[in-house]
Amino acid sequence: MHIAKNETVPDREVVGIFDIETATLSSDSRGFLKTMQDSFRAVNLCTDLPSSFVITAGAFTDRVYISSLSAKTLYRRVESGV
Protein backbone atom coordinates (compact mmCIF):
# COMPACT_ATOMS: atom_id res chain seq x y z
CA MET A 1 0.00 0.00 0.00
CA HIS A 2 1.33 3.42 -0.96
CA ILE A 3 1.13 5.75 2.06
CA ALA A 4 3.00 8.88 0.86
CA LYS A 5 6.30 10.17 -0.55
CA ASN A 6 7.14 6.99 -2.46
CA GLU A 7 6.73 5.01 0.77
CA THR A 8 4.89 1.70 0.64
CA VAL A 9 4.13 -0.93 3.25
CA PRO A 10 2.82 -4.45 2.70
CA ASP A 11 -0.93 -4.69 3.38
CA ARG A 12 -0.36 -7.66 5.69
CA GLU A 13 1.78 -5.47 8.00
CA VAL A 14 -0.90 -2.79 8.51
CA VAL A 15 -2.34 -3.04 12.02
CA GLY A 16 -4.41 0.13 11.93
CA ILE A 17 -5.11 3.39 10.13
CA PHE A 18 -6.15 6.35 12.25
CA ASP A 19 -7.31 9.91 11.73
CA ILE A 20 -4.71 11.93 13.61
CA GLU A 21 -7.12 14.65 14.73
CA THR A 22 -9.62 12.35 16.42
CA ALA A 23 -7.13 9.75 17.65
CA THR A 24 -4.96 12.28 19.45
CA LEU A 25 -7.88 13.44 21.57
CA SER A 26 -6.98 10.48 23.79
CA SER A 27 -3.98 10.85 26.10
CA ASP A 28 -3.21 7.16 25.48
CA SER A 29 -2.87 7.77 21.73
CA ARG A 30 -0.72 10.84 22.29
CA GLY A 31 1.47 8.84 24.67
CA PHE A 32 1.78 6.01 22.17
CA LEU A 33 2.84 8.38 19.38
CA LYS A 34 5.36 10.08 21.68
CA THR A 35 6.82 6.71 22.69
CA MET A 36 7.17 5.70 19.04
CA GLN A 37 8.84 9.03 18.20
CA ASP A 38 11.19 8.81 21.18
CA SER A 39 12.26 5.31 20.16
CA PHE A 40 12.79 6.42 16.52
CA ARG A 41 10.02 4.16 15.22
CA ALA A 42 7.85 7.00 13.87
CA VAL A 43 8.35 8.03 10.25
CA ASN A 44 7.03 11.46 9.32
CA LEU A 45 6.04 11.52 5.64
CA CYS A 46 4.33 14.92 5.72
CA THR A 47 5.20 18.00 3.77
CA ASP A 48 1.99 19.63 5.02
CA LEU A 49 -0.09 19.09 8.13
CA PRO A 50 -0.45 15.45 9.18
CA SER A 51 -3.85 13.91 8.59
CA SER A 52 -3.43 10.28 9.60
CA PHE A 53 -1.08 7.69 10.95
CA VAL A 54 -0.60 4.04 10.04
CA ILE A 55 0.60 1.49 12.57
CA THR A 56 2.50 -1.46 11.12
CA ALA A 57 3.92 -4.63 12.59
CA GLY A 58 6.52 -6.37 10.48
CA ALA A 59 8.79 -9.33 10.86
CA PHE A 60 11.63 -7.24 12.29
CA THR A 61 10.12 -3.97 13.54
CA ASP A 62 6.98 -2.03 14.38
CA ARG A 63 6.55 1.44 12.93
CA VAL A 64 4.15 4.35 12.83
CA TYR A 65 3.95 6.27 9.57
CA ILE A 66 2.54 9.79 9.79
CA SER A 67 0.92 10.84 6.52
CA SER A 68 -0.77 13.87 5.04
CA LEU A 69 -3.22 11.55 3.25
CA SER A 70 -6.57 11.05 4.93
CA ALA A 71 -7.30 7.88 6.87
CA LYS A 72 -10.24 7.27 4.53
CA THR A 73 -7.99 7.39 1.46
CA LEU A 74 -5.46 5.04 3.05
CA TYR A 75 -8.19 2.63 4.12
CA ARG A 76 -9.53 2.52 0.55
CA ARG A 77 -6.02 1.71 -0.68
CA VAL A 78 -5.77 -1.25 1.68
CA GLU A 79 -9.19 -2.47 0.56
CA SER A 80 -8.31 -2.16 -3.13
CA GLY A 81 -4.74 -3.46 -2.79
CA VAL A 82 -3.11 -0.29 -4.17
C-alpha atoms as a PDB file:
ATOM      1  CA  MET A   1       0.000   0.000   0.000  1.00  0.00           C
ATOM      2  CA  HIS A   2       1.329   3.420  -0.957  1.00  0.00           C
ATOM      3  CA  ILE A   3       1.126   5.750   2.064  1.00  0.00           C
ATOM      4  CA  ALA A   4       2.999   8.882   0.864  1.00  0.00           C
ATOM      5  CA  LYS A   5       6.302  10.166  -0.550  1.00  0.00           C
ATOM      6  CA  ASN A   6       7.138   6.985  -2.464  1.00  0.00           C
ATOM      7  CA  GLU A   7       6.728   5.007   0.773  1.00  0.00           C
ATOM      8  CA  THR A   8       4.892   1.704   0.640  1.00  0.00           C
ATOM      9  CA  VAL A   9       4.129  -0.927   3.248  1.00  0.00           C
ATOM     10  CA  PRO A  10       2.820  -4.450   2.699  1.00  0.00           C
ATOM     11  CA  ASP A  11      -0.933  -4.694   3.379  1.00  0.00           C
ATOM     12  CA  ARG A  12      -0.358  -7.664   5.686  1.00  0.00           C
ATOM     13  CA  GLU A  13       1.780  -5.471   8.004  1.00  0.00           C
ATOM     14  CA  VAL A  14      -0.901  -2.795   8.514  1.00  0.00           C
ATOM     15  CA  VAL A  15      -2.338  -3.040  12.017  1.00  0.00           C
ATOM     16  CA  GLY A  16      -4.415   0.129  11.933  1.00  0.00           C
ATOM     17  CA  ILE A  17      -5.107   3.392  10.130  1.00  0.00           C
ATOM     18  CA  PHE A  18      -6.154   6.352  12.253  1.00  0.00           C
ATOM     19  CA  ASP A  19      -7.311   9.914  11.731  1.00  0.00           C
ATOM     20  CA  ILE A  20      -4.711  11.934  13.610  1.00  0.00           C
ATOM     21  CA  GLU A  21      -7.121  14.648  14.734  1.00  0.00           C
ATOM     22  CA  THR A  22      -9.622  12.347  16.420  1.00  0.00           C
ATOM     23  CA  ALA A  23      -7.132   9.746  17.654  1.00  0.00           C
ATOM     24  CA  THR A  24      -4.962  12.276  19.447  1.00  0.00           C
ATOM     25  CA  LEU A  25      -7.881  13.438  21.575  1.00  0.00           C
ATOM     26  CA  SER A  26      -6.979  10.480  23.787  1.00  0.00           C
ATOM     27  CA  SER A  27      -3.982  10.851  26.097  1.00  0.00           C
ATOM     28  CA  ASP A  28      -3.208   7.159  25.479  1.00  0.00           C
ATOM     29  CA  SER A  29      -2.875   7.768  21.734  1.00  0.00           C
ATOM     30  CA  ARG A  30      -0.717  10.839  22.287  1.00  0.00           C
ATOM     31  CA  GLY A  31       1.472   8.844  24.675  1.00  0.00           C
ATOM     32  CA  PHE A  32       1.776   6.006  22.166  1.00  0.00           C
ATOM     33  CA  LEU A  33       2.841   8.383  19.383  1.00  0.00           C
ATOM     34  CA  LYS A  34       5.359  10.077  21.675  1.00  0.00           C
ATOM     35  CA  THR A  35       6.820   6.706  22.693  1.00  0.00           C
ATOM     36  CA  MET A  36       7.167   5.700  19.044  1.00  0.00           C
ATOM     37  CA  GLN A  37       8.839   9.029  18.204  1.00  0.00           C
ATOM     38  CA  ASP A  38      11.194   8.815  21.184  1.00  0.00           C
ATOM     39  CA  SER A  39      12.258   5.307  20.158  1.00  0.00           C
ATOM     40  CA  PHE A  40      12.788   6.420  16.519  1.00  0.00           C
ATOM     41  CA  ARG A  41      10.024   4.156  15.223  1.00  0.00           C
ATOM     42  CA  ALA A  42       7.855   6.996  13.869  1.00  0.00           C
ATOM     43  CA  VAL A  43       8.349   8.030  10.254  1.00  0.00           C
ATOM     44  CA  ASN A  44       7.026  11.460   9.319  1.00  0.00           C
ATOM     45  CA  LEU A  45       6.042  11.522   5.638  1.00  0.00           C
ATOM     46  CA  CYS A  46       4.331  14.920   5.724  1.00  0.00           C
ATOM     47  CA  THR A  47       5.199  18.005   3.774  1.00  0.00           C
ATOM     48  CA  ASP A  48       1.991  19.625   5.023  1.00  0.00           C
ATOM     49  CA  LEU A  49      -0.088  19.090   8.133  1.00  0.00           C
ATOM     50  CA  PRO A  50      -0.452  15.455   9.179  1.00  0.00           C
ATOM     51  CA  SER A  51      -3.850  13.915   8.587  1.00  0.00           C
ATOM     52  CA  SER A  52      -3.427  10.280   9.603  1.00  0.00           C
ATOM     53  CA  PHE A  53      -1.080   7.686  10.950  1.00  0.00           C
ATOM     54  CA  VAL A  54      -0.601   4.045  10.038  1.00  0.00           C
ATOM     55  CA  ILE A  55       0.601   1.486  12.568  1.00  0.00           C
ATOM     56  CA  THR A  56       2.504  -1.458  11.121  1.00  0.00           C
ATOM     57  CA  ALA A  57       3.922  -4.635  12.595  1.00  0.00           C
ATOM     58  CA  GLY A  58       6.521  -6.366  10.485  1.00  0.00           C
ATOM     59  CA  ALA A  59       8.795  -9.329  10.864  1.00  0.00           C
ATOM     60  CA  PHE A  60      11.633  -7.235  12.292  1.00  0.00           C
ATOM     61  CA  THR A  61      10.125  -3.974  13.539  1.00  0.00           C
ATOM     62  CA  ASP A  62       6.984  -2.029  14.381  1.00  0.00           C
ATOM     63  CA  ARG A  63       6.547   1.441  12.931  1.00  0.00           C
ATOM     64  CA  VAL A  64       4.148   4.349  12.826  1.00  0.00           C
ATOM     65  CA  TYR A  65       3.948   6.268   9.570  1.00  0.00           C
ATOM     66  CA  ILE A  66       2.541   9.789   9.786  1.00  0.00           C
ATOM     67  CA  SER A  67       0.916  10.839   6.521  1.00  0.00           C
ATOM     68  CA  SER A  68      -0.769  13.872   5.036  1.00  0.00           C
ATOM     69  CA  LEU A  69      -3.220  11.552   3.250  1.00  0.00           C
ATOM     70  CA  SER A  70      -6.570  11.053   4.934  1.00  0.00           C
ATOM     71  CA  ALA A  71      -7.300   7.882   6.866  1.00  0.00           C
ATOM     72  CA  LYS A  72     -10.244   7.272   4.531  1.00  0.00           C
ATOM     73  CA  THR A  73      -7.986   7.391   1.461  1.00  0.00           C
ATOM     74  CA  LEU A  74      -5.460   5.039   3.049  1.00  0.00           C
ATOM     75  CA  TYR A  75      -8.191   2.630   4.122  1.00  0.00           C
ATOM     76  CA  ARG A  76      -9.532   2.525   0.546  1.00  0.00           C
ATOM     77  CA  ARG A  77      -6.017   1.714  -0.679  1.00  0.00           C
ATOM     78  CA  VAL A  78      -5.774  -1.250   1.679  1.00  0.00           C
ATOM     79  CA  GLU A  79      -9.187  -2.473   0.560  1.00  0.00           C
ATOM     80  CA  SER A  80      -8.306  -2.163  -3.126  1.00  0.00           C
ATOM     81  CA  GLY A  81      -4.744  -3.464  -2.791  1.00  0.00           C
ATOM     82  CA  VAL A  82      -3.108  -0.291  -4.170  1.00  0.00           C
END
